[in-house]
Amino acid sequence: MANMHSTARPRSNAARICTILAFVFAVLAVFISPLLFGVAGVVLGIVGAVLGDKPLGWYAAVASAVGAVLGGLLVAALLN
């Protein structure tokens, strides 16, 4: 049993940093620039998930996409 290996990558510090930045970009996408920070947050969330921060990285990518949509709706509501 000790010789069994897992196919999942171990979480690294880089993965956690990418995930945290993706959550920060999700918030910035709502208030500052939805397109720029939304896309960057999705990319960083996916990178964090691929590097080993599995559930949180995917959550950060989805949160960034939702933040971009909410930011776009907010901008559209303010301009009209």
PDB file of N, CA and C in Angstrom:
ATOM      1  N   MET A   1       0.807  -1.173   0.000  1.00  0.00           N
ATOM      2  CA  MET A   1       0.000   0.000   0.000  1.00  0.00           C
ATOM      3  C   MET A   1       0.863   1.255   0.000  1.00  0.00           C
ATOM      4  N   ALA A   2       2.009   1.210   0.602  1.00  0.00           N
ATOM      5  CA  ALA A   2       2.884   2.377   0.652  1.00  0.00           C
ATOM      6  C   ALA A   2       3.530   2.638  -0.699  1.00  0.00           C
ATOM      7  N   ASN A   3       3.608   1.631  -1.558  1.00  0.00           N
ATOM      8  CA  ASN A   3       4.237   1.805  -2.861  1.00  0.00           C
ATOM      9  C   ASN A   3       3.281   2.339  -3.918  1.00  0.00           C
ATOM     10  N   MET A   4       2.016   2.508  -3.580  1.00  0.00           N
ATOM     11  CA  MET A   4       1.049   3.022  -4.543  1.00  0.00           C
ATOM     12  C   MET A   4       1.283   4.513  -4.741  1.00  0.00           C
ATOM     13  N   HIS A   5       1.218   4.935  -5.980  1.00  0.00           N
ATOM     14  CA  HIS A   5       1.389   6.358  -6.253  1.00  0.00           C
ATOM     15  C   HIS A   5       0.083   6.945  -6.772  1.00  0.00           C
ATOM     16  N   SER A   6      -0.069   8.201  -6.506  1.00  0.00           N
ATOM     17  CA  SER A   6      -1.276   8.909  -6.922  1.00  0.00           C
ATOM     18  C   SER A   6      -1.014   9.612  -8.247  1.00  0.00           C
ATOM     19  N   THR A   7      -2.050   9.723  -9.054  1.00  0.00           N
ATOM     20  CA  THR A   7      -1.901  10.429 -10.323  1.00  0.00           C
ATOM     21  C   THR A   7      -2.063  11.936 -10.142  1.00  0.00           C
ATOM     22  N   ALA A   8      -2.555  12.375  -8.992  1.00  0.00           N
ATOM     23  CA  ALA A   8      -2.733  13.803  -8.738  1.00  0.00           C
ATOM     24  C   ALA A   8      -1.400  14.433  -8.366  1.00  0.00           C
ATOM     25  N   ARG A   9      -1.215  15.650  -8.809  1.00  0.00           N
ATOM     26  CA  ARG A   9       0.004  16.372  -8.468  1.00  0.00           C
ATOM     27  C   ARG A   9      -0.104  16.919  -7.049  1.00  0.00           C
ATOM     28  N   PRO A  10       1.001  16.944  -6.325  1.00  0.00           N
ATOM     29  CA  PRO A  10       0.966  17.570  -5.007  1.00  0.00           C
ATOM     30  C   PRO A  10       0.860  19.085  -5.167  1.00  0.00           C
ATOM     31  N   ARG A  11       0.176  19.721  -4.238  1.00  0.00           N
ATOM     32  CA  ARG A  11      -0.016  21.172  -4.299  1.00  0.00           C
ATOM     33  C   ARG A  11       1.291  21.885  -3.994  1.00  0.00           C
ATOM     34  N   SER A  12       1.612  22.880  -4.784  1.00  0.00           N
ATOM     35  CA  SER A  12       2.822  23.664  -4.554  1.00  0.00           C
ATOM     36  C   SER A  12       2.438  25.073  -4.134  1.00  0.00           C
ATOM     37  N   ASN A  13       3.432  25.836  -3.730  1.00  0.00           N
ATOM     38  CA  ASN A  13       3.183  27.221  -3.364  1.00  0.00           C
ATOM     39  C   ASN A  13       2.743  28.037  -4.570  1.00  0.00           C
ATOM     40  N   ALA A  14       3.282  27.725  -5.733  1.00  0.00           N
ATOM     41  CA  ALA A  14       2.899  28.448  -6.948  1.00  0.00           C
ATOM     42  C   ALA A  14       1.426  28.235  -7.264  1.00  0.00           C
ATOM     43  N   ALA A  15       0.935  27.032  -7.033  1.00  0.00           N
ATOM     44  CA  ALA A  15      -0.475  26.745  -7.290  1.00  0.00           C
ATOM     45  C   ALA A  15      -1.352  27.559  -6.360  1.00  0.00           C
ATOM     46  N   ARG A  16      -0.992  27.641  -5.094  1.00  0.00           N
ATOM     47  CA  ARG A  16      -1.803  28.392  -4.139  1.00  0.00           C
ATOM     48  C   ARG A  16      -1.757  29.889  -4.444  1.00  0.00           C
ATOM     49  N   ILE A  17      -0.597  30.395  -4.855  1.00  0.00           N
ATOM     50  CA  ILE A  17      -0.472  31.812  -5.202  1.00  0.00           C
ATOM     51  C   ILE A  17      -1.334  32.139  -6.412  1.00  0.00           C
ATOM     52  N   CYS A  18      -1.324  31.283  -7.424  1.00  0.00           N
ATOM     53  CA  CYS A  18      -2.172  31.498  -8.607  1.00  0.00           C
ATOM     54  C   CYS A  18      -3.645  31.490  -8.223  1.00  0.00           C
ATOM     55  N   THR A  19      -4.035  30.600  -7.339  1.00  0.00           N
ATOM     56  CA  THR A  19      -5.431  30.515  -6.917  1.00  0.00           C
ATOM     57  C   THR A  19      -5.846  31.761  -6.136  1.00  0.00           C
ATOM     58  N   ILE A  20      -5.006  32.220  -5.238  1.00  0.00           N
ATOM     59  CA  ILE A  20      -5.321  33.421  -4.464  1.00  0.00           C
ATOM     60  C   ILE A  20      -5.419  34.636  -5.384  1.00  0.00           C
ATOM     61  N   LEU A  21      -4.487  34.760  -6.322  1.00  0.00           N
ATOM     62  CA  LEU A  21      -4.546  35.872  -7.269  1.00  0.00           C
ATOM     63  C   LEU A  21      -5.803  35.804  -8.133  1.00  0.00           C
ATOM     64  N   ALA A  22      -6.238  34.607  -8.470  1.00  0.00           N
ATOM     65  CA  ALA A  22      -7.464  34.464  -9.264  1.00  0.00           C
ATOM     66  C   ALA A  22      -8.674  34.962  -8.485  1.00  0.00           C
ATOM     67  N   PHE A  23      -8.738  34.665  -7.194  1.00  0.00           N
ATOM     68  CA  PHE A  23      -9.838  35.190  -6.371  1.00  0.00           C
ATOM     69  C   PHE A  23      -9.774  36.716  -6.257  1.00  0.00           C
ATOM     70  N   VAL A  24      -8.573  37.259  -6.114  1.00  0.00           N
ATOM     71  CA  VAL A  24      -8.423  38.716  -6.053  1.00  0.00           C
ATOM     72  C   VAL A  24      -8.852  39.339  -7.378  1.00  0.00           C
ATOM     73  N   PHE A  25      -8.467  38.739  -8.493  1.00  0.00           N
ATOM     74  CA  PHE A  25      -8.859  39.249  -9.800  1.00  0.00           C
ATOM     75  C   PHE A  25     -10.366  39.121 -10.025  1.00  0.00           C
ATOM     76  N   ALA A  26     -10.999  38.144  -9.403  1.00  0.00           N
ATOM     77  CA  ALA A  26     -12.450  38.020  -9.516  1.00  0.00           C
ATOM     78  C   ALA A  26     -13.132  39.227  -8.895  1.00  0.00           C
ATOM     79  N   VAL A  27     -12.635  39.695  -7.764  1.00  0.00           N
ATOM     80  CA  VAL A  27     -13.203  40.873  -7.117  1.00  0.00           C
ATOM     81  C   VAL A  27     -12.886  42.125  -7.931  1.00  0.00           C
ATOM     82  N   LEU A  28     -11.668  42.224  -8.433  1.00  0.00           N
ATOM     83  CA  LEU A  28     -11.295  43.385  -9.237  1.00  0.00           C
ATOM     84  C   LEU A  28     -12.076  43.434 -10.545  1.00  0.00           C
ATOM     85  N   ALA A  29     -12.473  42.293 -11.065  1.00  0.00           N
ATOM     86  CA  ALA A  29     -13.253  42.254 -12.299  1.00  0.00           C
ATOM     87  C   ALA A  29     -14.622  42.873 -12.104  1.00  0.00           C
ATOM     88  N   VAL A  30     -15.161  42.777 -10.919  1.00  0.00           N
ATOM     89  CA  VAL A  30     -16.479  43.367 -10.660  1.00  0.00           C
ATOM     90  C   VAL A  30     -16.375  44.883 -10.613  1.00  0.00           C
ATOM     91  N   PHE A  31     -15.330  45.421 -10.016  1.00  0.00           N
ATOM     92  CA  PHE A  31     -15.270  46.844  -9.742  1.00  0.00           C
ATOM     93  C   PHE A  31     -14.407  47.660 -10.703  1.00  0.00           C
ATOM     94  N   ILE A  32     -13.399  47.074 -11.327  1.00  0.00           N
ATOM     95  CA  ILE A  32     -12.463  47.881 -12.117  1.00  0.00           C
ATOM     96  C   ILE A  32     -12.580  47.591 -13.611  1.00  0.00           C
ATOM     97  N   SER A  33     -12.142  46.430 -14.040  1.00  0.00           N
ATOM     98  CA  SER A  33     -12.136  46.110 -15.463  1.00  0.00           C
ATOM     99  C   SER A  33     -12.562  44.658 -15.652  1.00  0.00           C
ATOM    100  N   PRO A  34     -13.821  44.437 -16.045  1.00  0.00           N
ATOM    101  CA  PRO A  34     -14.324  43.063 -16.145  1.00  0.00           C
ATOM    102  C   PRO A  34     -13.571  42.199 -17.156  1.00  0.00           C
ATOM    103  N   LEU A  35     -13.273  42.752 -18.294  1.00  0.00           N
ATOM    104  CA  LEU A  35     -12.638  41.942 -19.332  1.00  0.00           C
ATOM    105  C   LEU A  35     -11.213  41.557 -18.959  1.00  0.00           C
ATOM    106  N   LEU A  36     -10.432  42.539 -18.558  1.00  0.00           N
ATOM    107  CA  LEU A  36      -9.022  42.294 -18.244  1.00  0.00           C
ATOM    108  C   LEU A  36      -8.855  41.365 -17.042  1.00  0.00           C
ATOM    109  N   PHE A  37      -9.459  41.734 -15.927  1.00  0.00           N
ATOM    110  CA  PHE A  37      -9.270  40.950 -14.706  1.00  0.00           C
ATOM    111  C   PHE A  37     -10.055  39.643 -14.733  1.00  0.00           C
ATOM    112  N   GLY A  38     -11.170  39.610 -15.440  1.00  0.00           N
ATOM    113  CA  GLY A  38     -11.937  38.371 -15.552  1.00  0.00           C
ATOM    114  C   GLY A  38     -11.174  37.288 -16.292  1.00  0.00           C
ATOM    115  N   VAL A  39     -10.608  37.666 -17.436  1.00  0.00           N
ATOM    116  CA  VAL A  39      -9.841  36.689 -18.224  1.00  0.00           C
ATOM    117  C   VAL A  39      -8.577  36.264 -17.481  1.00  0.00           C
ATOM    118  N   ALA A  40      -7.881  37.241 -16.883  1.00  0.00           N
ATOM    119  CA  ALA A  40      -6.666  36.905 -16.131  1.00  0.00           C
ATOM    120  C   ALA A  40      -6.985  35.996 -14.946  1.00  0.00           C
ATOM    121  N   GLY A  41      -8.108  36.231 -14.286  1.00  0.00           N
ATOM    122  CA  GLY A  41      -8.499  35.389 -13.157  1.00  0.00           C
ATOM    123  C   GLY A  41      -8.850  33.977 -13.576  1.00  0.00           C
ATOM    124  N   VAL A  42      -9.530  33.848 -14.709  1.00  0.00           N
ATOM    125  CA  VAL A  42      -9.858  32.505 -15.213  1.00  0.00           C
ATOM    126  C   VAL A  42      -8.588  31.740 -15.548  1.00  0.00           C
ATOM    127  N   VAL A  43      -7.658  32.409 -16.216  1.00  0.00           N
ATOM    128  CA  VAL A  43      -6.398  31.747 -16.585  1.00  0.00           C
ATOM    129  C   VAL A  43      -5.618  31.343 -15.340  1.00  0.00           C
ATOM    130  N   LEU A  44      -5.524  32.240 -14.364  1.00  0.00           N
ATOM    131  CA  LEU A  44      -4.786  31.912 -13.139  1.00  0.00           C
ATOM    132  C   LEU A  44      -5.475  30.806 -12.340  1.00  0.00           C
ATOM    133  N   GLY A  45      -6.794  30.794 -12.336  1.00  0.00           N
ATOM    134  CA  GLY A  45      -7.510  29.719 -11.644  1.00  0.00           C
ATOM    135  C   GLY A  45      -7.253  28.365 -12.284  1.00  0.00           C
ATOM    136  N   ILE A  46      -7.249  28.332 -13.605  1.00  0.00           N
ATOM    137  CA  ILE A  46      -6.973  27.077 -14.299  1.00  0.00           C
ATOM    138  C   ILE A  46      -5.539  26.640 -14.069  1.00  0.00           C
ATOM    139  N   VAL A  47      -4.614  27.593 -14.116  1.00  0.00           N
ATOM    140  CA  VAL A  47      -3.204  27.253 -13.853  1.00  0.00           C
ATOM    141  C   VAL A  47      -3.042  26.719 -12.432  1.00  0.00           C
ATOM    142  N   GLY A  48      -3.699  27.351 -11.475  1.00  0.00           N
ATOM    143  CA  GLY A  48      -3.632  26.867 -10.093  1.00  0.00           C
ATOM    144  C   GLY A  48      -4.189  25.461  -9.951  1.00  0.00           C
ATOM    145  N   ALA A  49      -5.294  25.181 -10.649  1.00  0.00           N
ATOM    146  CA  ALA A  49      -5.880  23.843 -10.579  1.00  0.00           C
ATOM    147  C   ALA A  49      -4.972  22.811 -11.224  1.00  0.00           C
ATOM    148  N   VAL A  50      -4.357  23.152 -12.344  1.00  0.00           N
ATOM    149  CA  VAL A  50      -3.478  22.212 -13.032  1.00  0.00           C
ATOM    150  C   VAL A  50      -2.212  21.952 -12.224  1.00  0.00           C
ATOM    151  N   LEU A  51      -1.738  22.972 -11.516  1.00  0.00           N
ATOM    152  CA  LEU A  51      -0.526  22.798 -10.705  1.00  0.00           C
ATOM    153  C   LEU A  51      -0.776  22.026  -9.414  1.00  0.00           C
ATOM    154  N   GLY A  52      -2.035  21.748  -9.086  1.00  0.00           N
ATOM    155  CA  GLY A  52      -2.285  20.890  -7.939  1.00  0.00           C
ATOM    156  C   GLY A  52      -3.272  21.407  -6.920  1.00  0.00           C
ATOM    157  N   ASP A  53      -3.708  22.631  -7.037  1.00  0.00           N
ATOM    158  CA  ASP A  53      -4.677  23.177  -6.091  1.00  0.00           C
ATOM    159  C   ASP A  53      -6.077  22.913  -6.645  1.00  0.00           C
ATOM    160  N   LYS A  54      -6.445  21.627  -6.693  1.00  0.00           N
ATOM    161  CA  LYS A  54      -7.585  21.159  -7.470  1.00  0.00           C
ATOM    162  C   LYS A  54      -8.916  21.833  -7.178  1.00  0.00           C
ATOM    163  N   PRO A  55      -9.535  21.648  -6.067  1.00  0.00           N
ATOM    164  CA  PRO A  55     -10.889  22.209  -5.994  1.00  0.00           C
ATOM    165  C   PRO A  55     -10.887  23.731  -5.952  1.00  0.00           C
ATOM    166  N   LEU A  56      -9.941  24.315  -5.247  1.00  0.00           N
ATOM    167  CA  LEU A  56      -9.938  25.761  -5.082  1.00  0.00           C
ATOM    168  C   LEU A  56      -9.572  26.487  -6.377  1.00  0.00           C
ATOM    169  N   GLY A  57      -8.708  25.903  -7.175  1.00  0.00           N
ATOM    170  CA  GLY A  57      -8.338  26.519  -8.449  1.00  0.00           C
ATOM    171  C   GLY A  57      -9.515  26.605  -9.401  1.00  0.00           C
ATOM    172  N   TRP A  58     -10.310  25.540  -9.460  1.00  0.00           N
ATOM    173  CA  TRP A  58     -11.490  25.554 -10.324  1.00  0.00           C
ATOM    174  C   TRP A  58     -12.525  26.525  -9.796  1.00  0.00           C
ATOM    175  N   TYR A  59     -12.680  26.602  -8.487  1.00  0.00           N
ATOM    176  CA  TYR A  59     -13.615  27.565  -7.900  1.00  0.00           C
ATOM    177  C   TYR A  59     -13.184  28.994  -8.224  1.00  0.00           C
ATOM    178  N   ALA A  60     -11.891  29.248  -8.184  1.00  0.00           N
ATOM    179  CA  ALA A  60     -11.378  30.588  -8.490  1.00  0.00           C
ATOM    180  C   ALA A  60     -11.622  30.935  -9.955  1.00  0.00           C
ATOM    181  N   ALA A  61     -11.463  29.970 -10.846  1.00  0.00           N
ATOM    182  CA  ALA A  61     -11.719  30.229 -12.262  1.00  0.00           C
ATOM    183  C   ALA A  61     -13.188  30.563 -12.491  1.00  0.00           C
ATOM    184  N   VAL A  62     -14.069  29.823 -11.849  1.00  0.00           N
ATOM    185  CA  VAL A  62     -15.510  30.093 -11.988  1.00  0.00           C
ATOM    186  C   VAL A  62     -15.860  31.437 -11.351  1.00  0.00           C
ATOM    187  N   ALA A  63     -15.273  31.743 -10.203  1.00  0.00           N
ATOM    188  CA  ALA A  63     -15.538  33.019  -9.545  1.00  0.00           C
ATOM    189  C   ALA A  63     -15.072  34.185 -10.420  1.00  0.00           C
ATOM    190  N   SER A  64     -13.977  34.028 -11.119  1.00  0.00           N
ATOM    191  CA  SER A  64     -13.492  35.083 -12.005  1.00  0.00           C
ATOM    192  C   SER A  64     -14.417  35.267 -13.199  1.00  0.00           C
ATOM    193  N   ALA A  65     -14.930  34.174 -13.726  1.00  0.00           N
ATOM    194  CA  ALA A  65     -15.876  34.281 -14.841  1.00  0.00           C
ATOM    195  C   ALA A  65     -17.158  34.966 -14.381  1.00  0.00           C
ATOM    196  N   VAL A  66     -17.646  34.603 -13.215  1.00  0.00           N
ATOM    197  CA  VAL A  66     -18.849  35.237 -12.673  1.00  0.00           C
ATOM    198  C   VAL A  66     -18.580  36.709 -12.368  1.00  0.00           C
ATOM    199  N   GLY A  67     -17.409  37.015 -11.844  1.00  0.00           N
ATOM    200  CA  GLY A  67     -17.041  38.401 -11.579  1.00  0.00           C
ATOM    201  C   GLY A  67     -16.984  39.227 -12.848  1.00  0.00           C
ATOM    202  N   ALA A  68     -16.498  38.636 -13.927  1.00  0.00           N
ATOM    203  CA  ALA A  68     -16.450  39.350 -15.204  1.00  0.00           C
ATOM    204  C   ALA A  68     -17.852  39.632 -15.726  1.00  0.00           C
ATOM    205  N   VAL A  69     -18.738  38.665 -15.594  1.00  0.00           N
ATOM    206  CA  VAL A  69     -20.119  38.860 -16.045  1.00  0.00           C
ATOM    207  C   VAL A  69     -20.811  39.921 -15.190  1.00  0.00           C
ATOM    208  N   LEU A  70     -20.655  39.829 -13.883  1.00  0.00           N
ATOM    209  CA  LEU A  70     -21.264  40.829 -12.997  1.00  0.00           C
ATOM    210  C   LEU A  70     -20.689  42.221 -13.248  1.00  0.00           C
ATOM    211  N   GLY A  71     -19.394  42.297 -13.471  1.00  0.00           N
ATOM    212  CA  GLY A  71     -18.773  43.583 -13.776  1.00  0.00           C
ATOM    213  C   GLY A  71     -19.283  44.153 -15.088  1.00  0.00           C
ATOM    214  N   GLY A  72     -19.451  43.296 -16.082  1.00  0.00           N
ATOM    215  CA  GLY A  72     -20.001  43.754 -17.356  1.00  0.00           C
ATOM    216  C   GLY A  72     -21.428  44.249 -17.216  1.00  0.00           C
ATOM    217  N   LEU A  73     -22.229  43.549 -16.435  1.00  0.00           N
ATOM    218  CA  LEU A  73     -23.605  43.990 -16.197  1.00  0.00           C
ATOM    219  C   LEU A  73     -23.632  45.313 -15.426  1.00  0.00           C
ATOM    220  N   LEU A  74     -22.719  45.462 -14.485  1.00  0.00           N
ATOM    221  CA  LEU A  74     -22.639  46.698 -13.715  1.00  0.00           C
ATOM    222  C   LEU A  74     -22.253  47.873 -14.606  1.00  0.00           C
ATOM    223  N   VAL A  75     -21.297  47.669 -15.480  1.00  0.00           N
ATOM    224  CA  VAL A  75     -20.880  48.716 -16.407  1.00  0.00           C
ATOM    225  C   VAL A  75     -22.024  49.068 -17.350  1.00  0.00           C
ATOM    226  N   ALA A  76     -22.716  48.060 -17.854  1.00  0.00           N
ATOM    227  CA  ALA A  76     -23.850  48.313 -18.753  1.00  0.00           C
ATOM    228  C   ALA A  76     -24.967  49.071 -18.044  1.00  0.00           C
ATOM    229  N   ALA A  77     -25.215  48.740 -16.773  1.00  0.00           N
ATOM    230  CA  ALA A  77     -26.264  49.430 -16.028  1.00  0.00           C
ATOM    231  C   ALA A  77     -25.871  50.872 -15.728  1.00  0.00           C
ATOM    232  N   LEU A  78     -24.604  51.122 -15.471  1.00  0.00           N
ATOM    233  CA  LEU A  78     -24.164  52.480 -15.179  1.00  0.00           C
ATOM    234  C   LEU A  78     -24.127  53.356 -16.419  1.00  0.00           C
ATOM    235  N   LEU A  79     -23.857  52.778 -17.575  1.00  0.00           N
ATOM    236  CA  LEU A  79     -23.785  53.557 -18.797  1.00  0.00           C
ATOM    237  C   LEU A  79     -25.155  53.870 -19.379  1.00  0.00           C
ATOM    238  N   ASN A  80     -26.166  53.125 -19.010  1.00  0.00           N
ATOM    239  CA  ASN A  80     -27.511  53.361 -19.548  1.00  0.00           C
ATOM    240  C   ASN A  80     -28.368  54.147 -18.609  1.00  0.00           C
TER     241      ASN A  80
END
